[in-house]
Each structure stands twice: as C-alpha cells, then as structure tokens.
C-alpha cells in the first residue's frame, strides 16, 4: 500500500450524473432524479423475478437467470 506524503497529489475520478428520468403527468412531463426511480424499478424487478421463480414451480438454481430476465422485462 502506497502512503501519500506531503506534496503528493491524489487522483480523483469524475463521475458524470446519470440522466434524469421523465414522468409524464396530466400537467405535462416532470423531471425526477434517478435516485427516486431506482427503488421503484428494483421492486418491479424483484416482483418479476419472483413471478418467474413461481412459474417454474419454485425450483431453485435459476436466480440469476430470473433476475436478468426480469430486468429486461421491466426495462422494456
């Protein structure tokens, strides 16, 4: 592990902000932050993945396959 001494500089990564999600209401489009939409998306993915698990008769061993299929379904 390298120790920084006085005079050494640290390198920092710059991460761009993700694009804002748009929600269309009766009043027109409203911008939402990505943080406010992510928990909703994750819950929809969980629900869809669980539905796939149940449709297979609750047989284990396909959790990643179900999760990726659920993400694709929710993102469509």
N, C-alpha and C. Protein backbone atom coordinates (compact mmCIF):
# COMPACT_ATOMS: atom_id res chain seq x y z
N UNK A 1 0.85 -1.17 0.00
CA UNK A 1 0.00 0.00 0.00
C UNK A 1 0.89 1.23 0.00
N UNK A 2 0.66 2.13 -0.91
CA UNK A 2 1.48 3.32 -1.02
C UNK A 2 0.96 4.38 -0.05
N UNK A 3 1.86 4.97 0.67
CA UNK A 3 1.50 6.05 1.58
C UNK A 3 1.76 7.37 0.89
N UNK A 4 0.82 8.28 1.05
CA UNK A 4 0.98 9.60 0.45
C UNK A 4 1.71 10.50 1.43
N UNK A 5 2.67 11.22 0.94
CA UNK A 5 3.42 12.16 1.76
C UNK A 5 3.00 13.56 1.38
N UNK A 6 3.32 14.49 2.24
CA UNK A 6 3.00 15.87 1.94
C UNK A 6 3.61 16.24 0.59
N UNK A 7 2.83 16.84 -0.23
CA UNK A 7 3.30 17.19 -1.56
C UNK A 7 2.79 16.23 -2.63
N UNK A 8 2.45 14.98 -2.23
CA UNK A 8 1.86 14.04 -3.19
C UNK A 8 0.45 14.50 -3.51
N UNK A 9 0.00 14.19 -4.68
CA UNK A 9 -1.37 14.54 -5.04
C UNK A 9 -2.20 13.27 -5.17
N UNK A 10 -3.45 13.42 -4.90
CA UNK A 10 -4.38 12.30 -5.05
C UNK A 10 -5.11 12.46 -6.37
N UNK A 11 -5.39 11.34 -7.00
CA UNK A 11 -6.17 11.36 -8.24
C UNK A 11 -7.61 11.01 -7.90
N UNK A 12 -8.52 11.77 -8.42
CA UNK A 12 -9.94 11.52 -8.16
C UNK A 12 -10.65 11.26 -9.47
N UNK A 13 -11.57 10.32 -9.42
CA UNK A 13 -12.37 10.02 -10.60
C UNK A 13 -13.55 10.98 -10.65
N UNK A 14 -13.88 11.40 -11.82
CA UNK A 14 -15.05 12.25 -12.01
C UNK A 14 -16.14 11.39 -12.62
N UNK A 15 -17.25 11.33 -11.94
CA UNK A 15 -18.37 10.52 -12.40
C UNK A 15 -19.49 11.45 -12.84
N UNK A 16 -19.91 11.29 -14.05
CA UNK A 16 -21.00 12.12 -14.57
C UNK A 16 -22.31 11.69 -13.94
N UNK A 17 -23.20 12.65 -13.78
CA UNK A 17 -24.52 12.34 -13.25
C UNK A 17 -25.31 11.58 -14.31
N UNK A 18 -26.09 10.56 -13.88
CA UNK A 18 -26.93 9.85 -14.85
C UNK A 18 -28.05 10.76 -15.32
N UNK A 19 -28.61 10.47 -16.48
CA UNK A 19 -29.69 11.32 -16.99
C UNK A 19 -30.92 11.24 -16.09
N UNK A 20 -31.67 12.30 -16.08
CA UNK A 20 -32.89 12.34 -15.27
C UNK A 20 -34.00 11.55 -15.96
N UNK A 21 -34.82 10.92 -15.15
CA UNK A 21 -35.98 10.22 -15.67
C UNK A 21 -37.10 11.23 -15.87
N UNK A 22 -37.94 11.00 -16.83
CA UNK A 22 -39.06 11.89 -17.07
C UNK A 22 -40.36 11.14 -16.80
N UNK A 23 -41.23 11.77 -16.06
CA UNK A 23 -42.54 11.20 -15.79
C UNK A 23 -43.56 12.13 -16.41
N UNK A 24 -44.49 11.57 -17.15
CA UNK A 24 -45.50 12.40 -17.80
C UNK A 24 -46.79 12.33 -16.98
N UNK A 25 -47.18 13.48 -16.47
CA UNK A 25 -48.43 13.61 -15.72
C UNK A 25 -49.45 14.32 -16.60
N UNK A 26 -50.64 14.50 -16.11
CA UNK A 26 -51.66 15.24 -16.85
C UNK A 26 -51.20 16.68 -17.09
N UNK A 27 -50.38 17.21 -16.18
CA UNK A 27 -49.87 18.58 -16.30
C UNK A 27 -48.71 18.69 -17.27
N UNK A 28 -48.16 17.57 -17.71
CA UNK A 28 -47.01 17.58 -18.59
C UNK A 28 -45.85 16.83 -17.97
N UNK A 29 -44.71 16.76 -18.67
CA UNK A 29 -43.57 16.00 -18.16
C UNK A 29 -42.94 16.66 -16.94
N UNK A 30 -42.49 15.83 -16.02
CA UNK A 30 -41.83 16.28 -14.80
C UNK A 30 -40.53 15.51 -14.66
N UNK A 31 -39.43 16.21 -14.41
CA UNK A 31 -38.15 15.54 -14.22
C UNK A 31 -38.08 14.95 -12.82
N UNK A 32 -37.51 13.74 -12.74
CA UNK A 32 -37.31 13.09 -11.46
C UNK A 32 -35.84 12.70 -11.37
N UNK A 33 -35.31 12.69 -10.16
CA UNK A 33 -33.93 12.26 -10.00
C UNK A 33 -33.86 10.75 -10.15
N UNK A 34 -32.71 10.20 -10.60
CA UNK A 34 -32.57 8.75 -10.75
C UNK A 34 -32.74 8.02 -9.43
N UNK A 35 -32.37 8.66 -8.32
CA UNK A 35 -32.48 8.02 -7.02
C UNK A 35 -33.93 7.75 -6.66
N UNK A 36 -34.85 8.60 -7.08
CA UNK A 36 -36.25 8.40 -6.73
C UNK A 36 -36.90 7.30 -7.55
N UNK A 37 -36.36 6.98 -8.72
CA UNK A 37 -36.96 5.96 -9.56
C UNK A 37 -36.32 4.59 -9.35
N UNK A 38 -35.09 4.54 -8.89
CA UNK A 38 -34.38 3.27 -8.75
C UNK A 38 -35.04 2.31 -7.78
N UNK A 39 -35.49 2.74 -6.59
CA UNK A 39 -36.15 1.78 -5.69
C UNK A 39 -37.43 1.20 -6.30
N UNK A 40 -38.17 2.00 -7.05
CA UNK A 40 -39.37 1.50 -7.71
C UNK A 40 -39.01 0.45 -8.75
N UNK A 41 -37.97 0.71 -9.53
CA UNK A 41 -37.53 -0.23 -10.56
C UNK A 41 -37.07 -1.52 -9.91
N UNK A 42 -36.29 -1.40 -8.84
CA UNK A 42 -35.78 -2.60 -8.18
C UNK A 42 -36.92 -3.46 -7.64
N UNK A 43 -37.94 -2.84 -7.08
CA UNK A 43 -39.08 -3.61 -6.58
C UNK A 43 -39.82 -4.29 -7.72
N UNK A 44 -39.97 -3.61 -8.85
CA UNK A 44 -40.62 -4.25 -10.01
C UNK A 44 -39.80 -5.42 -10.51
N UNK A 45 -38.47 -5.28 -10.51
CA UNK A 45 -37.59 -6.38 -10.93
C UNK A 45 -37.74 -7.54 -9.97
N UNK A 46 -37.74 -7.26 -8.67
CA UNK A 46 -37.92 -8.34 -7.67
C UNK A 46 -39.23 -9.08 -7.89
N UNK A 47 -40.30 -8.33 -8.09
CA UNK A 47 -41.61 -8.95 -8.28
C UNK A 47 -41.62 -9.82 -9.54
N UNK A 48 -41.03 -9.30 -10.62
CA UNK A 48 -41.00 -10.05 -11.88
C UNK A 48 -40.13 -11.30 -11.75
N UNK A 49 -39.00 -11.19 -11.06
CA UNK A 49 -38.11 -12.34 -10.87
C UNK A 49 -38.80 -13.41 -10.02
N UNK A 50 -39.53 -12.97 -9.01
CA UNK A 50 -40.23 -13.93 -8.16
C UNK A 50 -41.35 -14.63 -8.95
N UNK A 51 -42.01 -13.88 -9.82
CA UNK A 51 -43.06 -14.49 -10.65
C UNK A 51 -42.46 -15.56 -11.56
N UNK A 52 -41.28 -15.29 -12.11
CA UNK A 52 -40.61 -16.29 -12.94
C UNK A 52 -40.25 -17.53 -12.11
N UNK A 53 -39.76 -17.31 -10.91
CA UNK A 53 -39.43 -18.40 -9.98
C UNK A 53 -40.67 -19.25 -9.70
N UNK A 54 -41.79 -18.60 -9.42
CA UNK A 54 -43.03 -19.33 -9.15
C UNK A 54 -43.53 -20.07 -10.39
N UNK A 55 -43.37 -19.46 -11.56
CA UNK A 55 -43.86 -20.10 -12.79
C UNK A 55 -43.09 -21.37 -13.11
N UNK A 56 -41.88 -21.50 -12.57
CA UNK A 56 -41.07 -22.69 -12.75
C UNK A 56 -41.34 -23.72 -11.66
N UNK A 57 -42.31 -23.46 -10.81
CA UNK A 57 -42.63 -24.39 -9.73
C UNK A 57 -41.72 -24.22 -8.52
N UNK A 58 -41.16 -23.03 -8.35
CA UNK A 58 -40.29 -22.70 -7.21
C UNK A 58 -39.05 -23.59 -7.15
N UNK A 59 -38.57 -24.02 -8.30
CA UNK A 59 -37.34 -24.82 -8.31
C UNK A 59 -36.12 -23.91 -8.22
N UNK A 60 -35.18 -24.22 -7.33
CA UNK A 60 -34.01 -23.36 -7.14
C UNK A 60 -32.99 -23.51 -8.27
N UNK A 61 -32.03 -22.59 -8.29
CA UNK A 61 -30.91 -22.70 -9.22
C UNK A 61 -30.99 -21.81 -10.43
N UNK A 62 -32.01 -20.98 -10.52
CA UNK A 62 -32.15 -20.11 -11.70
C UNK A 62 -32.28 -18.65 -11.30
N UNK A 63 -31.75 -18.30 -10.12
CA UNK A 63 -31.94 -16.96 -9.60
C UNK A 63 -31.36 -15.86 -10.49
N UNK A 64 -30.14 -16.04 -10.97
CA UNK A 64 -29.55 -15.01 -11.84
C UNK A 64 -30.28 -14.92 -13.18
N UNK A 65 -30.61 -16.06 -13.72
CA UNK A 65 -31.36 -16.09 -14.99
C UNK A 65 -32.69 -15.36 -14.83
N UNK A 66 -33.39 -15.63 -13.72
CA UNK A 66 -34.66 -14.96 -13.46
C UNK A 66 -34.47 -13.46 -13.28
N UNK A 67 -33.42 -13.08 -12.55
CA UNK A 67 -33.18 -11.66 -12.29
C UNK A 67 -32.89 -10.91 -13.59
N UNK A 68 -32.02 -11.46 -14.44
CA UNK A 68 -31.69 -10.80 -15.70
C UNK A 68 -32.89 -10.73 -16.62
N UNK A 69 -33.69 -11.78 -16.66
CA UNK A 69 -34.90 -11.76 -17.49
C UNK A 69 -35.89 -10.72 -16.95
N UNK A 70 -35.99 -10.63 -15.63
CA UNK A 70 -36.90 -9.66 -15.02
C UNK A 70 -36.43 -8.24 -15.31
N UNK A 71 -35.11 -7.98 -15.24
CA UNK A 71 -34.60 -6.65 -15.56
C UNK A 71 -34.93 -6.28 -17.01
N UNK A 72 -34.72 -7.22 -17.90
CA UNK A 72 -35.01 -6.96 -19.32
C UNK A 72 -36.49 -6.66 -19.52
N UNK A 73 -37.33 -7.39 -18.83
CA UNK A 73 -38.77 -7.19 -18.93
C UNK A 73 -39.18 -5.83 -18.39
N UNK A 74 -38.65 -5.45 -17.25
CA UNK A 74 -39.00 -4.17 -16.63
C UNK A 74 -38.48 -2.99 -17.45
N UNK A 75 -37.29 -3.15 -18.03
CA UNK A 75 -36.71 -2.07 -18.81
C UNK A 75 -37.37 -1.86 -20.17
N UNK A 76 -38.13 -2.85 -20.63
CA UNK A 76 -38.82 -2.70 -21.92
C UNK A 76 -39.99 -1.80 -21.81
